């Protein structure tokens, strides 16, 4: 009987470690459920192929952004933050991509989780290149027409503040508060997008993606 009394606590301890599957898993709270928006018209692959056919012009550009002020606008006199080795994508300005562009400008709201998408097949019909450390990029052999260029530029900002670290008393009994300087960084991501046009007869087109 003594062995039975010894084994029972061990058995209960082992049983307590057996994993139990929950009958219901609570979904994560979302203030704004994801809303996907797509262009309504049908994608025309033939039109996209023709628009991306080779030409004789060269698009040369520079991608950059600027930090925002307290009102949420980019400070015009601030130094440029160049796109250091990011991918710049170019899409033909066909009716499908034109509708997508207008939806992106007017309907998308990232804070409310309302995102504009394009068809996965349409996304294949694009050109892309990588910038250098100065944000410079080139698209050679472009034909006359309108195009959409875009890219996502990640950057960081920093600052400091004084954090309370304790108190003491001076020689005359007065209280002295002590602070330590703390430094922090904040990550940002700016989506850059604009329409450019390659005019007939021009060999080089210079653009700013900002």
Protein backbone atom coordinates (compact mmCIF):
# COMPACT_ATOMS: atom_id res chain seq x y z
CA UNK A 1 0.00 0.00 0.00
CA UNK A 2 2.89 2.36 0.62
CA UNK A 3 3.89 2.08 -3.04
CA UNK A 4 0.37 3.09 -4.11
CA UNK A 5 0.55 6.31 -2.09
CA UNK A 6 3.91 7.13 -3.69
CA UNK A 7 2.75 6.46 -7.27
CA UNK A 8 -0.48 8.45 -7.15
CA UNK A 9 1.15 11.93 -6.84
CA UNK A 10 3.57 11.03 -9.64
CA UNK A 11 0.66 9.91 -11.85
CA UNK A 12 -1.27 13.13 -11.24
CA UNK A 13 1.86 15.21 -11.97
CA UNK A 14 2.32 13.42 -15.30
CA UNK A 15 -1.35 13.87 -16.22
CA UNK A 16 -1.10 17.59 -15.49
CA UNK A 17 1.48 17.94 -18.24
CA UNK A 18 -0.67 16.40 -20.98
CA UNK A 19 -1.49 19.16 -23.54
CA UNK A 20 -5.17 20.03 -23.82
CA UNK A 21 -6.54 21.56 -27.02
CA UNK A 22 -8.75 24.59 -26.54
CA UNK A 23 -12.33 24.18 -27.74
CA UNK A 24 -12.35 27.76 -29.07
CA UNK A 25 -9.54 30.15 -29.95
CA UNK A 26 -10.35 33.82 -29.56
CA UNK A 27 -9.70 35.79 -32.75
CA UNK A 28 -7.33 38.73 -32.59
CA UNK A 29 -9.06 42.10 -32.22
CA UNK A 30 -9.09 44.20 -35.37
CA UNK A 31 -10.40 47.73 -35.18
CA UNK A 32 -10.55 47.85 -38.97
CA UNK A 33 -10.88 44.49 -40.76
CA UNK A 34 -8.89 44.23 -43.98
CA UNK A 35 -10.76 45.60 -46.99
CA UNK A 36 -9.30 44.63 -50.37
CA UNK A 37 -10.02 46.87 -53.36
CA UNK A 38 -9.34 45.77 -56.95
CA UNK A 39 -9.85 47.53 -60.29
CA UNK A 40 -13.18 46.57 -61.82
CA UNK A 41 -12.16 46.36 -65.46
CA UNK A 42 -10.52 43.37 -67.09
CA UNK A 43 -6.75 43.36 -67.46
CA UNK A 44 -5.57 43.47 -71.10
CA UNK A 45 -2.24 41.65 -71.40
CA UNK A 46 -1.85 42.52 -75.10
CA UNK A 47 -2.11 46.24 -74.37
CA UNK A 48 0.45 45.89 -71.56
CA UNK A 49 2.92 44.01 -73.79
CA UNK A 50 2.63 46.63 -76.53
CA UNK A 51 3.12 49.47 -74.03
CA UNK A 52 6.29 47.85 -72.67
CA UNK A 53 7.85 47.24 -76.08
CA UNK A 54 11.39 48.54 -76.51
CA UNK A 55 12.11 52.06 -77.69
CA UNK A 56 15.03 54.46 -77.96
CA UNK A 57 14.56 56.66 -74.87
CA UNK A 58 16.19 56.38 -71.43
CA UNK A 59 14.46 57.29 -68.18
CA UNK A 60 16.89 58.53 -65.54
CA UNK A 61 15.59 59.33 -62.10
CA UNK A 62 16.33 59.77 -58.43
CA UNK A 63 14.14 58.47 -55.61
CA UNK A 64 14.06 60.23 -52.25
CA UNK A 65 11.81 61.40 -49.44
CA UNK A 66 11.90 64.02 -46.68
CA UNK A 67 10.98 63.86 -42.98
CA UNK A 68 7.53 65.10 -42.04
CA UNK A 69 6.82 68.08 -39.81
CA UNK A 70 4.42 68.17 -36.86
CA UNK A 71 1.46 68.65 -39.22
CA UNK A 72 2.23 65.44 -41.11
CA UNK A 73 3.59 67.11 -44.26
CA UNK A 74 7.04 66.64 -45.74
CA UNK A 75 9.23 69.54 -44.69
CA UNK A 76 10.25 71.32 -47.94
CA UNK A 77 13.54 72.65 -46.57
CA UNK A 78 14.64 69.39 -44.93
CA UNK A 79 17.49 67.33 -46.33
CA UNK A 80 16.66 64.59 -48.79
CA UNK A 81 16.64 60.99 -47.65
CA UNK A 82 17.80 59.04 -50.68
CA UNK A 83 16.47 55.59 -51.56
CA UNK A 84 19.47 53.42 -50.79
CA UNK A 85 19.28 50.26 -52.92
CA UNK A 86 15.52 49.87 -53.20
CA UNK A 87 13.53 48.37 -56.07
CA UNK A 88 11.75 50.80 -58.39
CA UNK A 89 8.93 49.28 -60.44
CA UNK A 90 7.49 50.59 -63.71
CA UNK A 91 4.03 49.74 -65.05
CA UNK A 92 2.47 50.74 -68.38
CA UNK A 93 -0.31 53.32 -68.11
CA UNK A 94 -2.96 51.14 -69.73
CA UNK A 95 -6.64 51.53 -68.70
CA UNK A 96 -6.31 48.77 -66.07
CA UNK A 97 -3.28 50.33 -64.38
CA UNK A 98 -4.79 53.79 -64.72
CA UNK A 99 -7.83 52.66 -62.71
CA UNK A 100 -5.54 50.98 -60.17
CA UNK A 101 -3.52 54.20 -59.83
CA UNK A 102 -6.62 56.33 -59.24
CA UNK A 103 -7.93 53.87 -56.65
CA UNK A 104 -4.57 53.91 -54.92
CA UNK A 105 -4.58 57.70 -54.73
CA UNK A 106 -8.22 58.19 -53.73
CA UNK A 107 -9.50 55.07 -51.98
CA UNK A 108 -6.59 53.53 -50.10
CA UNK A 109 -6.32 54.21 -46.37
CA UNK A 110 -3.63 52.20 -44.62
CA UNK A 111 -4.66 53.35 -41.14
CA UNK A 112 -8.16 51.98 -41.74
CA UNK A 113 -6.74 48.80 -43.31
CA UNK A 114 -8.27 49.63 -46.70
CA UNK A 115 -5.75 48.46 -49.31
CA UNK A 116 -5.82 48.66 -53.11
CA UNK A 117 -4.47 45.59 -54.91
CA UNK A 118 -3.84 44.66 -58.51
CA UNK A 119 -4.39 41.30 -60.12
CA UNK A 120 -1.46 38.91 -59.66
CA UNK A 121 -1.28 38.34 -63.43
CA UNK A 122 -1.24 42.09 -64.10
CA UNK A 123 1.63 42.50 -61.63
CA UNK A 124 3.87 40.40 -63.89
CA UNK A 125 3.71 43.02 -66.65
CA UNK A 126 6.24 45.45 -65.26
CA UNK A 127 9.87 46.50 -65.45
CA UNK A 128 12.03 47.01 -62.37
CA UNK A 129 15.50 48.13 -61.40
CA UNK A 130 17.56 48.78 -58.27
CA UNK A 131 18.71 52.21 -57.14
CA UNK A 132 22.24 53.00 -56.05
CA UNK A 133 23.14 54.52 -52.68
CA UNK A 134 22.16 57.98 -53.99
CA UNK A 135 18.70 56.82 -55.04
CA UNK A 136 19.53 57.00 -58.75
CA UNK A 137 17.86 54.59 -61.17
CA UNK A 138 17.63 54.01 -64.93
CA UNK A 139 15.13 52.43 -67.31
CA UNK A 140 16.72 52.10 -70.77
CA UNK A 141 15.05 51.39 -74.14
CA UNK A 142 11.70 52.96 -73.33
CA UNK A 143 9.13 53.81 -76.01
CA UNK A 144 6.99 56.99 -75.96
CA UNK A 145 4.01 56.81 -73.62
CA UNK A 146 2.89 57.15 -70.00
CA UNK A 147 4.11 54.94 -67.17
CA UNK A 148 3.62 54.50 -63.44
CA UNK A 149 6.77 54.25 -61.34
CA UNK A 150 6.78 53.40 -57.67
CA UNK A 151 8.88 52.11 -54.79
CA UNK A 152 8.92 51.76 -51.01
CA UNK A 153 11.61 53.70 -49.16
CA UNK A 154 12.44 52.59 -45.59
CA UNK A 155 14.26 55.06 -43.33
CA UNK A 156 14.80 55.81 -39.66
CA UNK A 157 14.74 58.90 -37.49
CA UNK A 158 16.17 59.38 -34.02
CA UNK A 159 15.84 61.52 -30.97
CA UNK A 160 16.53 61.72 -27.27
CA UNK A 161 14.83 62.48 -23.98
CA UNK A 162 15.76 62.80 -20.30
CA UNK A 163 14.60 59.86 -18.18
CA UNK A 164 14.22 60.23 -14.42
CA UNK A 165 16.79 58.03 -12.67
CA UNK A 166 16.44 58.94 -9.00
CA UNK A 167 16.62 61.68 -6.41
CA UNK A 168 19.00 62.80 -3.73
CA UNK A 169 19.54 65.62 -1.26
CA UNK A 170 22.06 68.39 -1.52
CA UNK A 171 24.32 69.84 1.15
CA UNK A 172 21.59 72.18 2.34
CA UNK A 173 18.87 69.55 2.48
CA UNK A 174 17.20 70.41 -0.80
CA UNK A 175 15.98 67.62 -3.04
CA UNK A 176 17.83 67.03 -6.31
CA UNK A 177 16.34 64.98 -9.16
CA UNK A 178 18.67 63.15 -11.51
CA UNK A 179 18.05 62.33 -15.17
CA UNK A 180 19.82 60.24 -17.77
CA UNK A 181 19.82 60.98 -21.49
CA UNK A 182 18.10 58.17 -23.45
CA UNK A 183 18.29 57.78 -27.23
CA UNK A 184 15.78 56.10 -29.53
CA UNK A 185 15.12 55.41 -33.20
CA UNK A 186 11.83 55.21 -35.11
CA UNK A 187 11.36 53.17 -38.30
CA UNK A 188 9.44 54.67 -41.22
CA UNK A 189 8.37 53.44 -44.65
CA UNK A 190 7.33 55.89 -47.39
CA UNK A 191 5.50 54.65 -50.47
CA UNK A 192 6.59 56.68 -53.51
CA UNK A 193 4.49 56.73 -56.69
CA UNK A 194 4.00 58.99 -59.69
CA UNK A 195 3.15 59.06 -63.40
CA UNK A 196 5.85 59.88 -65.92
CA UNK A 197 5.66 60.46 -69.67
CA UNK A 198 8.19 59.65 -72.35
CA UNK A 199 7.60 62.17 -75.10
CA UNK A 200 8.32 61.29 -78.76
CA UNK A 201 11.73 62.41 -79.99
CA UNK A 202 13.31 62.72 -76.51
CA UNK A 203 16.36 60.61 -75.81
CA UNK A 204 16.61 61.15 -72.04
CA UNK A 205 13.83 61.82 -69.56
CA UNK A 206 14.80 62.92 -66.05
CA UNK A 207 12.33 62.31 -63.21
CA UNK A 208 12.07 62.61 -59.44
CA UNK A 209 10.33 59.87 -57.50
CA UNK A 210 9.39 61.47 -54.19
